[in-house]
């Protein structure tokens, strides 16, 4: 299993277990920066502590607040909206530049269904 696949698997297991996804937002909303491939990606985390670590350690996100999103809402409104808007889903970004595994919303949907 690749590191990316292992990250995705952990992400799915944790959000199913806790029935929540964590995002970050500021007065302008939820960030969807361009990734290294020039595609927009919106980051989400499987645990509050993971999102808080990025906010506290990455200068670009220090003004953001961590926000819980119920899994049922995220699966329908968020995933469908991101798919419609052509925005990737960033899974558990980390590190000094807050980067990680970015995948298509439909792949997230399939990954969740495969774990349940």
PDB file of N, CA and C in Angstrom:
ATOM      1  N   UNK A   1       0.851  -1.169   0.000  1.00  0.00           N
ATOM      2  CA  UNK A   1       0.000   0.000   0.000  1.00  0.00           C
ATOM      3  C   UNK A   1       0.901   1.238   0.000  1.00  0.00           C
ATOM      4  N   UNK A   2       0.625   2.190  -0.887  1.00  0.00           N
ATOM      5  CA  UNK A   2       1.410   3.414  -0.945  1.00  0.00           C
ATOM      6  C   UNK A   2       1.119   4.295   0.265  1.00  0.00           C
ATOM      7  N   UNK A   3       1.986   5.280   0.496  1.00  0.00           N
ATOM      8  CA  UNK A   3       1.767   6.213   1.602  1.00  0.00           C
ATOM      9  C   UNK A   3       0.456   6.960   1.393  1.00  0.00           C
ATOM     10  N   UNK A   4       0.181   7.387   0.165  1.00  0.00           N
ATOM     11  CA  UNK A   4      -1.059   8.099  -0.130  1.00  0.00           C
ATOM     12  C   UNK A   4      -2.275   7.233   0.155  1.00  0.00           C
ATOM     13  N   UNK A   5      -2.212   5.976  -0.238  1.00  0.00           N
ATOM     14  CA  UNK A   5      -3.329   5.063   0.015  1.00  0.00           C
ATOM     15  C   UNK A   5      -3.514   4.835   1.511  1.00  0.00           C
ATOM     16  N   UNK A   6      -2.415   4.732   2.240  1.00  0.00           N
ATOM     17  CA  UNK A   6      -2.501   4.552   3.690  1.00  0.00           C
ATOM     18  C   UNK A   6      -3.101   5.789   4.350  1.00  0.00           C
ATOM     19  N   UNK A   7      -2.708   6.990   3.884  1.00  0.00           N
ATOM     20  CA  UNK A   7      -3.285   8.234   4.412  1.00  0.00           C
ATOM     21  C   UNK A   7      -4.789   8.267   4.160  1.00  0.00           C
ATOM     22  N   UNK A   8      -5.190   7.916   2.957  1.00  0.00           N
ATOM     23  CA  UNK A   8      -6.616   7.933   2.613  1.00  0.00           C
ATOM     24  C   UNK A   8      -7.383   6.939   3.469  1.00  0.00           C
ATOM     25  N   UNK A   9      -6.847   5.757   3.636  1.00  0.00           N
ATOM     26  CA  UNK A   9      -7.521   4.739   4.437  1.00  0.00           C
ATOM     27  C   UNK A   9      -7.711   5.213   5.878  1.00  0.00           C
ATOM     28  N   UNK A  10      -6.689   5.805   6.461  1.00  0.00           N
ATOM     29  CA  UNK A  10      -6.788   6.328   7.826  1.00  0.00           C
ATOM     30  C   UNK A  10      -7.828   7.445   7.888  1.00  0.00           C
ATOM     31  N   UNK A  11      -7.809   8.332   6.905  1.00  0.00           N
ATOM     32  CA  UNK A  11      -8.776   9.434   6.845  1.00  0.00           C
ATOM     33  C   UNK A  11     -10.201   8.882   6.866  1.00  0.00           C
ATOM     34  N   UNK A  12     -10.490   7.923   5.987  1.00  0.00           N
ATOM     35  CA  UNK A  12     -11.843   7.351   5.907  1.00  0.00           C
ATOM     36  C   UNK A  12     -12.252   6.669   7.212  1.00  0.00           C
ATOM     37  N   UNK A  13     -11.368   5.859   7.766  1.00  0.00           N
ATOM     38  CA  UNK A  13     -11.685   5.157   9.022  1.00  0.00           C
ATOM     39  C   UNK A  13     -11.999   6.146  10.149  1.00  0.00           C
ATOM     40  N   UNK A  14     -11.181   7.198  10.263  1.00  0.00           N
ATOM     41  CA  UNK A  14     -11.379   8.152  11.352  1.00  0.00           C
ATOM     42  C   UNK A  14     -12.650   8.977  11.185  1.00  0.00           C
ATOM     43  N   UNK A  15     -12.965   9.394   9.965  1.00  0.00           N
ATOM     44  CA  UNK A  15     -14.189  10.197   9.819  1.00  0.00           C
ATOM     45  C   UNK A  15     -15.437   9.336  10.002  1.00  0.00           C
ATOM     46  N   UNK A  16     -15.366   8.079   9.610  1.00  0.00           N
ATOM     47  CA  UNK A  16     -16.501   7.182   9.842  1.00  0.00           C
ATOM     48  C   UNK A  16     -16.671   6.923  11.339  1.00  0.00           C
ATOM     49  N   UNK A  17     -15.576   6.693  12.033  1.00  0.00           N
ATOM     50  CA  UNK A  17     -15.623   6.446  13.467  1.00  0.00           C
ATOM     51  C   UNK A  17     -16.215   7.629  14.232  1.00  0.00           C
ATOM     52  N   UNK A  18     -15.785   8.838  13.901  1.00  0.00           N
ATOM     53  CA  UNK A  18     -16.205  10.029  14.645  1.00  0.00           C
ATOM     54  C   UNK A  18     -17.385  10.766  14.017  1.00  0.00           C
ATOM     55  N   UNK A  19     -17.773  10.355  12.801  1.00  0.00           N
ATOM     56  CA  UNK A  19     -18.899  10.965  12.085  1.00  0.00           C
ATOM     57  C   UNK A  19     -18.730  12.473  11.886  1.00  0.00           C
ATOM     58  N   UNK A  20     -17.464  12.903  11.744  1.00  0.00           N
ATOM     59  CA  UNK A  20     -17.155  14.306  11.505  1.00  0.00           C
ATOM     60  C   UNK A  20     -15.942  14.436  10.605  1.00  0.00           C
ATOM     61  N   UNK A  21     -15.935  15.551   9.891  1.00  0.00           N
ATOM     62  CA  UNK A  21     -14.791  15.963   9.092  1.00  0.00           C
ATOM     63  C   UNK A  21     -14.439  17.354   9.596  1.00  0.00           C
ATOM     64  N   UNK A  22     -13.188  17.711   9.533  1.00  0.00           N
ATOM     65  CA  UNK A  22     -12.743  19.016  10.026  1.00  0.00           C
ATOM     66  C   UNK A  22     -12.199  19.850   8.886  1.00  0.00           C
ATOM     67  N   UNK A  23     -12.661  21.089   8.817  1.00  0.00           N
ATOM     68  CA  UNK A  23     -12.160  22.041   7.846  1.00  0.00           C
ATOM     69  C   UNK A  23     -11.640  23.265   8.571  1.00  0.00           C
ATOM     70  N   UNK A  24     -11.088  24.196   7.803  1.00  0.00           N
ATOM     71  CA  UNK A  24     -10.665  25.465   8.378  1.00  0.00           C
ATOM     72  C   UNK A  24     -11.280  26.589   7.549  1.00  0.00           C
ATOM     73  N   UNK A  25     -11.591  27.692   8.246  1.00  0.00           N
ATOM     74  CA  UNK A  25     -12.190  28.814   7.528  1.00  0.00           C
ATOM     75  C   UNK A  25     -11.773  30.116   8.161  1.00  0.00           C
ATOM     76  N   UNK A  26     -11.837  31.166   7.343  1.00  0.00           N
ATOM     77  CA  UNK A  26     -11.636  32.519   7.828  1.00  0.00           C
ATOM     78  C   UNK A  26     -12.799  33.355   7.311  1.00  0.00           C
ATOM     79  N   UNK A  27     -12.690  34.668   7.366  1.00  0.00           N
ATOM     80  CA  UNK A  27     -13.807  35.515   6.945  1.00  0.00           C
ATOM     81  C   UNK A  27     -14.137  35.357   5.465  1.00  0.00           C
ATOM     82  N   UNK A  28     -13.185  34.866   4.684  1.00  0.00           N
ATOM     83  CA  UNK A  28     -13.419  34.633   3.262  1.00  0.00           C
ATOM     84  C   UNK A  28     -13.949  33.250   2.939  1.00  0.00           C
ATOM     85  N   UNK A  29     -14.070  32.392   3.941  1.00  0.00           N
ATOM     86  CA  UNK A  29     -14.586  31.042   3.744  1.00  0.00           C
ATOM     87  C   UNK A  29     -13.511  29.986   3.896  1.00  0.00           C
ATOM     88  N   UNK A  30     -13.742  28.845   3.284  1.00  0.00           N
ATOM     89  CA  UNK A  30     -12.829  27.707   3.344  1.00  0.00           C
ATOM     90  C   UNK A  30     -11.798  27.838   2.221  1.00  0.00           C
ATOM     91  N   UNK A  31     -10.531  27.602   2.517  1.00  0.00           N
ATOM     92  CA  UNK A  31      -9.503  27.769   1.480  1.00  0.00           C
ATOM     93  C   UNK A  31      -9.544  26.652   0.441  1.00  0.00           C
ATOM     94  N   UNK A  32      -9.200  27.014  -0.784  1.00  0.00           N
ATOM     95  CA  UNK A  32      -9.059  26.043  -1.878  1.00  0.00           C
ATOM     96  C   UNK A  32      -7.891  26.500  -2.747  1.00  0.00           C
ATOM     97  N   UNK A  33      -6.679  26.432  -2.195  1.00  0.00           N
ATOM     98  CA  UNK A  33      -5.512  26.904  -2.938  1.00  0.00           C
ATOM     99  C   UNK A  33      -5.141  25.977  -4.099  1.00  0.00           C
ATOM    100  N   UNK A  34      -4.322  26.487  -4.978  1.00  0.00           N
ATOM    101  CA  UNK A  34      -3.797  25.673  -6.069  1.00  0.00           C
ATOM    102  C   UNK A  34      -2.719  24.746  -5.516  1.00  0.00           C
ATOM    103  N   UNK A  35      -2.759  23.491  -5.940  1.00  0.00           N
ATOM    104  CA  UNK A  35      -1.718  22.541  -5.519  1.00  0.00           C
ATOM    105  C   UNK A  35      -0.550  22.606  -6.498  1.00  0.00           C
ATOM    106  N   UNK A  36       0.427  21.744  -6.334  1.00  0.00           N
ATOM    107  CA  UNK A  36       1.615  21.729  -7.180  1.00  0.00           C
ATOM    108  C   UNK A  36       1.335  21.438  -8.647  1.00  0.00           C
ATOM    109  N   UNK A  37       0.181  20.848  -8.931  1.00  0.00           N
ATOM    110  CA  UNK A  37      -0.192  20.548 -10.317  1.00  0.00           C
ATOM    111  C   UNK A  37      -1.073  21.624 -10.929  1.00  0.00           C
ATOM    112  N   UNK A  38      -1.277  22.726 -10.199  1.00  0.00           N
ATOM    113  CA  UNK A  38      -2.092  23.821 -10.714  1.00  0.00           C
ATOM    114  C   UNK A  38      -3.596  23.599 -10.591  1.00  0.00           C
ATOM    115  N   UNK A  39      -3.994  22.629  -9.778  1.00  0.00           N
ATOM    116  CA  UNK A  39      -5.411  22.342  -9.565  1.00  0.00           C
ATOM    117  C   UNK A  39      -5.824  22.854  -8.185  1.00  0.00           C
ATOM    118  N   UNK A  40      -7.069  23.293  -8.060  1.00  0.00           N
ATOM    119  CA  UNK A  40      -7.562  23.728  -6.757  1.00  0.00           C
ATOM    120  C   UNK A  40      -7.889  22.506  -5.899  1.00  0.00           C
ATOM    121  N   UNK A  41      -7.551  22.615  -4.624  1.00  0.00           N
ATOM    122  CA  UNK A  41      -7.837  21.544  -3.686  1.00  0.00           C
ATOM    123  C   UNK A  41      -8.259  22.153  -2.356  1.00  0.00           C
ATOM    124  N   UNK A  42      -9.324  21.625  -1.778  1.00  0.00           N
ATOM    125  CA  UNK A  42      -9.810  22.091  -0.483  1.00  0.00           C
ATOM    126  C   UNK A  42      -9.434  21.061   0.575  1.00  0.00           C
ATOM    127  N   UNK A  43      -8.682  21.494   1.591  1.00  0.00           N
ATOM    128  CA  UNK A  43      -8.226  20.533   2.596  1.00  0.00           C
ATOM    129  C   UNK A  43      -9.278  20.203   3.657  1.00  0.00           C
ATOM    130  N   UNK A  44      -9.254  18.959   4.087  1.00  0.00           N
ATOM    131  CA  UNK A  44     -10.104  18.480   5.182  1.00  0.00           C
ATOM    132  C   UNK A  44      -9.267  17.518   6.017  1.00  0.00           C
ATOM    133  N   UNK A  45      -9.630  17.435   7.294  1.00  0.00           N
ATOM    134  CA  UNK A  45      -8.894  16.566   8.214  1.00  0.00           C
ATOM    135  C   UNK A  45      -9.857  15.623   8.922  1.00  0.00           C
ATOM    136  N   UNK A  46      -9.327  14.484   9.304  1.00  0.00           N
ATOM    137  CA  UNK A  46     -10.142  13.465   9.960  1.00  0.00           C
ATOM    138  C   UNK A  46     -10.216  13.649  11.468  1.00  0.00           C
ATOM    139  N   UNK A  47      -9.337  14.472  12.018  1.00  0.00           N
ATOM    140  CA  UNK A  47      -9.348  14.740  13.457  1.00  0.00           C
ATOM    141  C   UNK A  47      -9.172  16.233  13.702  1.00  0.00           C
ATOM    142  N   UNK A  48      -9.811  16.733  14.728  1.00  0.00           N
ATOM    143  CA  UNK A  48      -9.684  18.136  15.103  1.00  0.00           C
ATOM    144  C   UNK A  48      -8.220  18.492  15.359  1.00  0.00           C
ATOM    145  N   UNK A  49      -7.506  17.625  16.035  1.00  0.00           N
ATOM    146  CA  UNK A  49      -6.104  17.905  16.372  1.00  0.00           C
ATOM    147  C   UNK A  49      -5.240  18.083  15.127  1.00  0.00           C
ATOM    148  N   UNK A  50      -5.536  17.366  14.067  1.00  0.00           N
ATOM    149  CA  UNK A  50      -4.761  17.498  12.825  1.00  0.00           C
ATOM    150  C   UNK A  50      -4.978  18.887  12.214  1.00  0.00           C
ATOM    151  N   UNK A  51      -6.237  19.320  12.166  1.00  0.00           N
ATOM    152  CA  UNK A  51      -6.553  20.644  11.618  1.00  0.00           C
ATOM    153  C   UNK A  51      -5.946  21.742  12.488  1.00  0.00           C
ATOM    154  N   UNK A  52      -6.036  21.585  13.799  1.00  0.00           N
ATOM    155  CA  UNK A  52      -5.475  22.581  14.719  1.00  0.00           C
ATOM    156  C   UNK A  52      -3.961  22.697  14.561  1.00  0.00           C
ATOM    157  N   UNK A  53      -3.305  21.598  14.298  1.00  0.00           N
ATOM    158  CA  UNK A  53      -1.848  21.626  14.130  1.00  0.00           C
ATOM    159  C   UNK A  53      -1.466  22.456  12.908  1.00  0.00           C
ATOM    160  N   UNK A  54      -2.207  22.311  11.821  1.00  0.00           N
ATOM    161  CA  UNK A  54      -1.920  23.093  10.618  1.00  0.00           C
ATOM    162  C   UNK A  54      -2.167  24.579  10.885  1.00  0.00           C
ATOM    163  N   UNK A  55      -3.269  24.906  11.542  1.00  0.00           N
ATOM    164  CA  UNK A  55      -3.568  26.306  11.844  1.00  0.00           C
ATOM    165  C   UNK A  55      -2.483  26.921  12.731  1.00  0.00           C
ATOM    166  N   UNK A  56      -1.998  26.165  13.687  1.00  0.00           N
ATOM    167  CA  UNK A  56      -1.003  26.710  14.611  1.00  0.00           C
ATOM    168  C   UNK A  56       0.420  26.736  14.051  1.00  0.00           C
ATOM    169  N   UNK A  57       0.703  25.914  13.049  1.00  0.00           N
ATOM    170  CA  UNK A  57       2.087  25.808  12.587  1.00  0.00           C
ATOM    171  C   UNK A  57       2.353  26.319  11.174  1.00  0.00           C
ATOM    172  N   UNK A  58       1.318  26.618  10.417  1.00  0.00           N
ATOM    173  CA  UNK A  58       1.504  27.093   9.041  1.00  0.00           C
ATOM    174  C   UNK A  58       1.071  28.557   8.966  1.00  0.00           C
ATOM    175  N   UNK A  59       2.017  29.434   8.674  1.00  0.00           N
ATOM    176  CA  UNK A  59       1.756  30.877   8.693  1.00  0.00           C
ATOM    177  C   UNK A  59       0.552  31.273   7.831  1.00  0.00           C
ATOM    178  N   UNK A  60       0.411  30.678   6.671  1.00  0.00           N
ATOM    179  CA  UNK A  60      -0.683  31.039   5.769  1.00  0.00           C
ATOM    180  C   UNK A  60      -2.061  30.739   6.349  1.00  0.00           C
ATOM    181  N   UNK A  61      -2.133  29.869   7.357  1.00  0.00           N
ATOM    182  CA  UNK A  61      -3.423  29.475   7.919  1.00  0.00           C
ATOM    183  C   UNK A  61      -3.633  29.930   9.365  1.00  0.00           C
ATOM    184  N   UNK A  62      -2.752  30.762   9.892  1.00  0.00           N
ATOM    185  CA  UNK A  62      -2.870  31.179  11.298  1.00  0.00           C
ATOM    186  C   UNK A  62      -4.142  31.952  11.608  1.00  0.00           C
ATOM    187  N   UNK A  63      -4.715  32.650  10.643  1.00  0.00           N
ATOM    188  CA  UNK A  63      -5.942  33.426  10.874  1.00  0.00           C
ATOM    189  C   UNK A  63      -7.202  32.572  10.719  1.00  0.00           C
ATOM    190  N   UNK A  64      -7.038  31.304  10.422  1.00  0.00           N
ATOM    191  CA  UNK A  64      -8.175  30.422  10.201  1.00  0.00           C
ATOM    192  C   UNK A  64      -8.626  29.789  11.512  1.00  0.00           C
ATOM    193  N   UNK A  65      -9.890  29.411  11.533  1.00  0.00           N
ATOM    194  CA  UNK A  65     -10.456  28.679  12.669  1.00  0.00           C
ATOM    195  C   UNK A  65     -10.844  27.290  12.211  1.00  0.00           C
ATOM    196  N   UNK A  66     -10.733  26.347  13.104  1.00  0.00           N
ATOM    197  CA  UNK A  66     -11.100  24.959  12.819  1.00  0.00           C
ATOM    198  C   UNK A  66     -12.611  24.820  12.959  1.00  0.00           C
ATOM    199  N   UNK A  67     -13.221  24.110  12.016  1.00  0.00           N
ATOM    200  CA  UNK A  67     -14.671  23.935  12.042  1.00  0.00           C
ATOM    201  C   UNK A  67     -15.057  22.481  11.763  1.00  0.00           C
ATOM    202  N   UNK A  68     -15.931  21.956  12.617  1.00  0.00           N
ATOM    203  CA  UNK A  68     -16.442  20.595  12.433  1.00  0.00           C
ATOM    204  C   UNK A  68     -17.558  20.603  11.394  1.00  0.00           C
ATOM    205  N   UNK A  69     -17.577  19.569  10.579  1.00  0.00           N
ATOM    206  CA  UNK A  69     -18.635  19.379   9.587  1.00  0.00           C
ATOM    207  C   UNK A  69     -19.170  17.961   9.796  1.00  0.00           C
ATOM    208  N   UNK A  70     -20.461  17.819  10.069  1.00  0.00           N
ATOM    209  CA  UNK A  70     -21.009  16.468  10.223  1.00  0.00           C
ATOM    210  C   UNK A  70     -20.767  15.635   8.954  1.00  0.00           C
ATOM    211  N   UNK A  71     -20.384  14.390   9.132  1.00  0.00           N
ATOM    212  CA  UNK A  71     -20.065  13.533   8.002  1.00  0.00           C
ATOM    213  C   UNK A  71     -21.213  13.442   6.999  1.00  0.00           C
ATOM    214  N   UNK A  72     -22.435  13.306   7.482  1.00  0.00           N
ATOM    215  CA  UNK A  72     -23.584  13.190   6.561  1.00  0.00           C
ATOM    216  C   UNK A  72     -23.716  14.426   5.672  1.00  0.00           C
ATOM    217  N   UNK A  73     -23.473  15.590   6.223  1.00  0.00           N
ATOM    218  CA  UNK A  73     -23.545  16.840   5.452  1.00  0.00           C
ATOM    219  C   UNK A  73     -22.378  16.910   4.474  1.00  0.00           C
ATOM    220  N   UNK A  74     -21.199  16.564   4.952  1.00  0.00           N
ATOM    221  CA  UNK A  74     -20.009  16.623   4.108  1.00  0.00           C
ATOM    222  C   UNK A  74     -20.136  15.683   2.914  1.00  0.00           C
ATOM    223  N   UNK A  75     -20.664  14.520   3.136  1.00  0.00           N
ATOM    224  CA  UNK A  75     -20.798  13.529   2.057  1.00  0.00           C
ATOM    225  C   UNK A  75     -21.739  14.001   0.963  1.00  0.00           C
ATOM    226  N   UNK A  76     -22.782  14.699   1.329  1.00  0.00           N
ATOM    227  CA  UNK A  76     -23.766  15.109   0.317  1.00  0.00           C
ATOM    228  C   UNK A  76     -23.459  16.505  -0.221  1.00  0.00           C
ATOM    229  N   UNK A  77     -23.586  17.497   0.600  1.00  0.00           N
ATOM    230  CA  UNK A  77     -23.411  18.865   0.117  1.00  0.00           C
ATOM    231  C   UNK A  77     -21.985  19.179  -0.306  1.00  0.00           C
ATOM    232  N   UNK A  78     -21.027  18.831   0.507  1.00  0.00           N
ATOM    233  CA  UNK A  78     -19.645  19.218   0.221  1.00  0.00           C
ATOM    234  C   UNK A  78     -19.049  18.428  -0.935  1.00  0.00           C
ATOM    235  N   UNK A  79     -19.107  17.112  -0.863  1.00  0.00           N
ATOM    236  CA  UNK A  79     -18.490  16.292  -1.906  1.00  0.00           C
ATOM    237  C   UNK A  79     -19.150  16.556  -3.254  1.00  0.00           C
ATOM    238  N   UNK A  80     -20.470  16.625  -3.267  1.00  0.00           N
ATOM    239  CA  UNK A  80     -21.178  16.912  -4.526  1.00  0.00           C
ATOM    240  C   UNK A  80     -20.815  18.294  -5.059  1.00  0.00           C
ATOM    241  N   UNK A  81     -20.735  19.289  -4.170  1.00  0.00           N
ATOM    242  CA  UNK A  81     -20.386  20.646  -4.588  1.00  0.00           C
ATOM    243  C   UNK A  81     -18.961  20.750  -5.109  1.00  0.00           C
ATOM    244  N   UNK A  82     -18.032  20.096  -4.437  1.00  0.00           N
ATOM    245  CA  UNK A  82     -16.643  20.111  -4.893  1.00  0.00           C
ATOM    246  C   UNK A  82     -16.523  19.429  -6.252  1.00  0.00           C
ATOM    247  N   UNK A  83     -17.242  18.341  -6.431  1.00  0.00           N
ATOM    248  CA  UNK A  83     -17.234  17.634  -7.710  1.00  0.00           C
ATOM    249  C   UNK A  83     -17.775  18.546  -8.811  1.00  0.00           C
ATOM    250  N   UNK A  84     -18.876  19.187  -8.543  1.00  0.00           N
ATOM    251  CA  UNK A  84     -19.506  20.096  -9.504  1.00  0.00           C
ATOM    252  C   UNK A  84     -18.567  21.264  -9.855  1.00  0.00           C
ATOM    253  N   UNK A  85     -17.827  21.758  -8.856  1.00  0.00           N
ATOM    254  CA  UNK A  85     -16.952  22.914  -9.059  1.00  0.00           C
ATOM    255  C   UNK A  85     -15.550  22.545  -9.551  1.00  0.00           C
ATOM    256  N   UNK A  86     -15.268  21.250  -9.668  1.00  0.00           N
ATOM    257  CA  UNK A  86     -13.962  20.819 -10.162  1.00  0.00           C
ATOM    258  C   UNK A  86     -12.832  21.040  -9.166  1.00  0.00           C
ATOM    259  N   UNK A  87     -13.146  20.947  -7.874  1.00  0.00           N
ATOM    260  CA  UNK A  87     -12.146  21.140  -6.827  1.00  0.00           C
ATOM    261  C   UNK A  87     -11.816  19.788  -6.192  1.00  0.00           C
ATOM    262  N   UNK A  88     -10.534  19.517  -6.048  1.00  0.00           N
ATOM    263  CA  UNK A  88     -10.093  18.274  -5.425  1.00  0.00           C
ATOM    264  C   UNK A  88     -10.294  18.331  -3.915  1.00  0.00           C
ATOM    265  N   UNK A  89     -10.234  17.173  -3.277  1.00  0.00           N
ATOM    266  CA  UNK A  89     -10.325  17.058  -1.826  1.00  0.00           C
ATOM    267  C   UNK A  89      -8.920  16.754  -1.299  1.00  0.00           C
ATOM    268  N   UNK A  90      -8.439  17.607  -0.389  1.00  0.00           N
ATOM    269  CA  UNK A  90      -7.144  17.392   0.245  1.00  0.00           C
ATOM    270  C   UNK A  90      -7.344  16.614   1.532  1.00  0.00           C
ATOM    271  N   UNK A  91      -6.681  15.478   1.663  1.00  0.00           N
ATOM    272  CA  UNK A  91      -6.863  14.613   2.834  1.00  0.00           C
ATOM    273  C   UNK A  91      -5.723  14.792   3.835  1.00  0.00           C
ATOM    274  N   UNK A  92      -6.079  15.239   5.034  1.00  0.00           N
ATOM    275  CA  UNK A  92      -5.132  15.330   6.155  1.00  0.00           C
ATOM    276  C   UNK A  92      -3.810  16.001   5.782  1.00  0.00           C
ATOM    277  N   UNK A  93      -3.895  17.191   5.190  1.00  0.00           N
ATOM    278  CA  UNK A  93      -2.676  17.927   4.879  1.00  0.00           C
ATOM    279  C   UNK A  93      -1.866  18.122   6.155  1.00  0.00           C
ATOM    280  N   UNK A  94      -0.557  18.155   5.997  1.00  0.00           N
ATOM    281  CA  UNK A  94       0.323  18.335   7.152  1.00  0.00           C
ATOM    282  C   UNK A  94       1.630  18.952   6.692  1.00  0.00           C
ATOM    283  N   UNK A  95       2.511  19.177   7.651  1.00  0.00           N
ATOM    284  CA  UNK A  95       3.832  19.697   7.364  1.00  0.00           C
ATOM    285  C   UNK A  95       3.887  21.215   7.336  1.00  0.00           C
ATOM    286  N   UNK A  96       5.090  21.733   7.125  1.00  0.00           N
ATOM    287  CA  UNK A  96       5.315  23.175   7.189  1.00  0.00           C
ATOM    288  C   UNK A  96       4.639  23.941   6.059  1.00  0.00           C
ATOM    289  N   UNK A  97       4.284  23.251   4.980  1.00  0.00           N
ATOM    290  CA  UNK A  97       3.596  23.906   3.872  1.00  0.00           C
ATOM    291  C   UNK A  97       2.148  23.434   3.735  1.00  0.00           C
ATOM    292  N   UNK A  98       1.678  22.630   4.682  1.00  0.00           N
ATOM    293  CA  UNK A  98       0.310  22.102   4.649  1.00  0.00           C
ATOM    294  C   UNK A  98      -0.005  21.506   3.281  1.00  0.00           C
ATOM    295  N   UNK A  99       0.646  20.404   2.997  1.00  0.00           N
ATOM    296  CA  UNK A  99       0.409  19.701   1.738  1.00  0.00           C
ATOM    297  C   UNK A  99       0.047  18.254   2.036  1.00  0.00           C
ATOM    298  N   UNK A 100      -0.426  17.575   1.020  1.00  0.00           N
ATOM    299  CA  UNK A 100      -0.780  16.180   1.219  1.00  0.00           C
ATOM    300  C   UNK A 100      -1.388  15.570  -0.017  1.00  0.00           C
ATOM    301  N   UNK A 101      -2.238  14.628   0.209  1.00  0.00           N
ATOM    302  CA  UNK A 101      -2.863  13.814  -0.825  1.00  0.00           C
ATOM    303  C   UNK A 101      -4.142  14.495  -1.302  1.00  0.00           C
ATOM    304  N   UNK A 102      -4.220  14.833  -2.596  1.00  0.00           N
ATOM    305  CA  UNK A 102      -5.387  15.471  -3.197  1.00  0.00           C
ATOM    306  C   UNK A 102      -6.041  14.505  -4.177  1.00  0.00           C
ATOM    307  N   UNK A 103      -7.343  14.289  -4.008  1.00  0.00           N
ATOM    308  CA  UNK A 103      -8.034  13.345  -4.891  1.00  0.00           C
ATOM    309  C   UNK A 103      -9.375  13.904  -5.359  1.00  0.00           C
ATOM    310  N   UNK A 104      -9.890  13.281  -6.400  1.00  0.00           N
ATOM    311  CA  UNK A 104     -11.191  13.681  -6.948  1.00  0.00           C
ATOM    312  C   UNK A 104     -12.305  13.369  -5.944  1.00  0.00           C
ATOM    313  N   UNK A 105     -13.316  14.229  -5.858  1.00  0.00           N
ATOM    314  CA  UNK A 105     -14.434  13.958  -4.946  1.00  0.00           C
ATOM    315  C   UNK A 105     -15.087  12.598  -5.170  1.00  0.00           C
ATOM    316  N   UNK A 106     -15.204  12.172  -6.406  1.00  0.00           N
ATOM    317  CA  UNK A 106     -15.827  10.864  -6.672  1.00  0.00           C
ATOM    318  C   UNK A 106     -14.987   9.718  -6.093  1.00  0.00           C
ATOM    319  N   UNK A 107     -13.654   9.913  -6.025  1.00  0.00           N
ATOM    320  CA  UNK A 107     -12.788   8.910  -5.410  1.00  0.00           C
ATOM    321  C   UNK A 107     -13.000   8.865  -3.892  1.00  0.00           C
ATOM    322  N   UNK A 108     -13.271  10.028  -3.306  1.00  0.00           N
ATOM    323  CA  UNK A 108     -13.578  10.076  -1.873  1.00  0.00           C
ATOM    324  C   UNK A 108     -14.855   9.299  -1.606  1.00  0.00           C
ATOM    325  N   UNK A 109     -15.858   9.537  -2.420  1.00  0.00           N
ATOM    326  CA  UNK A 109     -17.134   8.835  -2.277  1.00  0.00           C
ATOM    327  C   UNK A 109     -16.919   7.331  -2.362  1.00  0.00           C
ATOM    328  N   UNK A 110     -16.162   6.888  -3.352  1.00  0.00           N
ATOM    329  CA  UNK A 110     -15.892   5.458  -3.532  1.00  0.00           C
ATOM    330  C   UNK A 110     -15.076   4.902  -2.360  1.00  0.00           C
ATOM    331  N   UNK A 111     -14.114   5.666  -1.869  1.00  0.00           N
ATOM    332  CA  UNK A 111     -13.304   5.231  -0.740  1.00  0.00           C
ATOM    333  C   UNK A 111     -14.130   5.042   0.524  1.00  0.00           C
ATOM    334  N   UNK A 112     -15.053   5.952   0.766  1.00  0.00           N
ATOM    335  CA  UNK A 112     -15.934   5.829   1.930  1.00  0.00           C
ATOM    336  C   UNK A 112     -16.825   4.596   1.791  1.00  0.00           C
ATOM    337  N   UNK A 113     -17.368   4.393   0.617  1.00  0.00           N
ATOM    338  CA  UNK A 113     -18.250   3.237   0.406  1.00  0.00           C
ATOM    339  C   UNK A 113     -17.489   1.928   0.566  1.00  0.00           C
ATOM    340  N   UNK A 114     -16.225   1.901   0.160  1.00  0.00           N
ATOM    341  CA  UNK A 114     -15.421   0.683   0.255  1.00  0.00           C
ATOM    342  C   UNK A 114     -15.106   0.322   1.708  1.00  0.00           C
ATOM    343  N   UNK A 115     -15.003   1.313   2.582  1.00  0.00           N
ATOM    344  CA  UNK A 115     -14.664   1.068   3.998  1.00  0.00           C
ATOM    345  C   UNK A 115     -15.891   0.660   4.796  1.00  0.00           C
ATOM    346  N   UNK A 116     -17.029   1.183   4.421  1.00  0.00           N
ATOM    347  CA  UNK A 116     -18.244   0.908   5.229  1.00  0.00           C
ATOM    348  C   UNK A 116     -18.760  -0.500   5.032  1.00  0.00           C
TER     349      UNK A 116
END
